[in-house]
Amino acid sequence: MDLTINSHLVIPSKELKWRFSRSSGPGGQRVNKSDSRVELVFDIKSSSVIGTFQKQRLIEQLHSRIIKGCIKIVASEERSQYQNRQLALDRLANLLQEGLKPPPKSRKATKPTRASRKRRIATKKHRSELKQNRQNKLSTYD
């Protein structure tokens, strides 16, 4: 089953490597027999459908998740292998979509407006007056 990332990118199933093992957690009587834990490994560097620019961006964005040029997704939440496979595919698709997003535009530094500076000074003066009024004034008539 091919993995669709977006309208321009579809990863063929031959580039996805699967491993199955026994899952810890809920199971029942067949818990020691069924291999429901799923590991999905996708090798970014040797992929034929991802361009060099996209590979660079993925490696840059997902550097903490990449080991030896591969992304590894593990799913063992569900009791059936099929559901865990679907979870792993969804997670990989979401991860690659996030990794391929362009970086956000950088913020331009701007100066505060004259009105905002006046408001800031006015609130500071107001706070100062409140605090001055709270102080115990010694009376000169004693």
Protein backbone atom coordinates (compact mmCIF):
# COMPACT_ATOMS: atom_id res chain seq x y z
CA MET A 1 0.00 0.00 0.00
CA ASP A 2 1.50 3.32 -1.10
CA LEU A 3 1.66 6.18 1.41
CA THR A 4 0.25 9.52 0.21
CA ILE A 5 1.96 12.49 1.87
CA ASN A 6 0.44 15.27 -0.23
CA SER A 7 -0.79 15.78 -3.79
CA HIS A 8 2.80 15.86 -5.11
CA LEU A 9 4.40 13.13 -3.02
CA VAL A 10 3.46 9.45 -2.81
CA ILE A 11 5.88 7.00 -1.20
CA PRO A 12 5.74 3.55 -2.79
CA SER A 13 5.28 0.59 -0.49
CA LYS A 14 8.61 -0.94 -1.59
CA GLU A 15 10.46 1.90 0.21
CA LEU A 16 8.74 1.14 3.53
CA LYS A 17 10.25 -1.55 5.70
CA TRP A 18 8.07 -3.33 8.26
CA ARG A 19 9.01 -5.33 11.36
CA PHE A 20 6.58 -7.07 13.66
CA SER A 21 7.03 -8.30 17.20
CA ARG A 22 5.02 -9.20 20.24
CA SER A 23 3.45 -6.25 21.92
CA SER A 24 3.31 -5.58 25.63
CA GLY A 25 0.06 -4.43 27.08
CA PRO A 26 -3.50 -5.66 26.47
CA GLY A 27 -3.88 -8.99 24.77
CA GLY A 28 -5.85 -11.82 26.27
CA GLN A 29 -5.34 -15.51 25.58
CA ARG A 30 -3.45 -14.98 22.32
CA VAL A 31 -1.05 -12.41 23.78
CA ASN A 32 2.00 -14.66 23.45
CA LYS A 33 1.17 -15.78 19.90
CA SER A 34 0.26 -12.67 17.93
CA ASP A 35 2.83 -10.19 16.66
CA SER A 36 0.83 -6.98 16.97
CA ARG A 37 3.65 -4.47 17.62
CA VAL A 38 4.64 -2.70 14.41
CA GLU A 39 7.87 -0.91 13.47
CA LEU A 40 7.87 1.12 10.28
CA VAL A 41 11.25 2.22 8.93
CA PHE A 42 11.61 4.73 6.10
CA ASP A 43 15.04 5.49 4.68
CA ILE A 44 15.05 9.14 3.64
CA LYS A 45 18.51 9.18 2.10
CA SER A 46 17.93 6.26 -0.29
CA SER A 47 14.38 7.26 -1.26
CA SER A 48 13.85 7.67 -5.00
CA VAL A 49 10.67 9.76 -4.81
CA ILE A 50 12.00 12.54 -2.56
CA GLY A 51 14.12 15.22 -4.22
CA THR A 52 17.44 16.44 -2.87
CA PHE A 53 15.97 19.73 -1.60
CA GLN A 54 13.17 17.88 0.18
CA LYS A 55 15.68 15.43 1.68
CA GLN A 56 17.73 18.33 3.02
CA ARG A 57 14.66 19.96 4.54
CA LEU A 58 13.48 16.68 6.12
CA ILE A 59 16.90 15.96 7.59
CA GLU A 60 17.13 19.52 8.91
CA GLN A 61 13.61 19.58 10.39
CA LEU A 62 13.52 16.02 11.76
CA HIS A 63 17.16 15.64 12.81
CA SER A 64 16.18 14.50 16.30
CA ARG A 65 14.03 11.66 14.91
CA ILE A 66 16.47 10.44 12.24
CA ILE A 67 18.94 7.65 12.96
CA LYS A 68 21.41 6.79 10.16
CA GLY A 69 19.20 8.48 7.59
CA CYS A 70 16.08 6.53 8.61
CA ILE A 71 12.89 7.44 10.42
CA LYS A 72 11.51 4.73 12.67
CA ILE A 73 7.88 4.74 13.81
CA VAL A 74 6.64 2.26 16.45
CA ALA A 75 2.97 1.52 17.10
CA SER A 76 1.73 -0.95 19.68
CA GLU A 77 -1.35 0.75 21.15
CA GLU A 78 -3.97 -1.42 19.46
CA ARG A 79 -4.48 -5.15 19.82
CA SER A 80 -4.55 -5.89 16.10
CA GLN A 81 -1.56 -5.67 13.80
CA TYR A 82 -3.66 -4.08 11.04
CA GLN A 83 -4.72 -1.15 13.26
CA ASN A 84 -1.13 -0.65 14.42
CA ARG A 85 0.01 -0.61 10.78
CA GLN A 86 -2.54 2.09 9.99
CA LEU A 87 -1.40 4.10 13.02
CA ALA A 88 2.23 3.85 11.95
CA LEU A 89 1.41 4.94 8.39
CA ASP A 90 -0.61 7.91 9.65
CA ARG A 91 2.19 8.97 12.00
CA LEU A 92 4.80 8.75 9.26
CA ALA A 93 2.61 10.76 6.87
CA ASN A 94 2.03 13.46 9.52
CA LEU A 95 5.72 13.57 10.40
CA LEU A 96 6.78 13.96 6.77
CA GLN A 97 4.11 16.62 6.15
CA GLU A 98 5.39 18.63 9.12
CA GLY A 99 8.99 18.17 8.02
CA LEU A 100 8.29 19.37 4.48
CA LYS A 101 6.47 22.54 5.54
CA PRO A 102 8.38 25.70 4.70
CA PRO A 103 9.82 27.54 7.68
CA PRO A 104 7.65 30.36 9.03
CA LYS A 105 8.38 33.88 7.86
CA SER A 106 10.75 35.72 10.14
CA ARG A 107 9.32 38.60 12.13
CA LYS A 108 10.41 42.08 11.17
CA ALA A 109 11.48 44.18 14.13
CA THR A 110 9.40 47.35 14.40
CA LYS A 111 9.54 50.35 16.67
CA PRO A 112 6.67 51.03 19.07
CA THR A 113 4.26 53.70 17.87
CA ARG A 114 4.06 57.10 19.52
CA ALA A 115 0.57 56.32 20.87
CA SER A 116 1.71 53.05 22.44
CA ARG A 117 4.65 54.81 24.10
CA LYS A 118 2.27 57.45 25.52
CA ARG A 119 -0.09 54.71 26.83
CA ARG A 120 2.84 52.93 28.46
CA ILE A 121 4.04 56.09 30.23
CA ALA A 122 0.46 56.94 31.30
CA THR A 123 -0.05 53.50 32.89
CA LYS A 124 3.31 53.79 34.65
CA LYS A 125 2.32 57.18 36.06
CA HIS A 126 -1.04 55.81 37.16
CA ARG A 127 0.62 52.89 39.00
CA SER A 128 3.07 55.29 40.59
CA GLU A 129 0.25 57.50 41.86
CA LEU A 130 -1.59 54.47 43.30
CA LYS A 131 1.49 53.40 45.18
CA GLN A 132 2.19 56.92 46.40
CA ASN A 133 -1.36 57.13 47.78
CA ARG A 134 -0.94 53.86 49.68
CA GLN A 135 2.07 55.07 51.66
CA ASN A 136 1.56 56.19 55.25
CA LYS A 137 2.16 59.92 55.31
CA LEU A 138 3.40 61.26 58.59
CA SER A 139 1.27 64.13 59.73
CA THR A 140 3.04 67.39 60.56
CA TYR A 141 0.41 68.37 63.16
CA ASP A 142 1.55 65.95 65.92
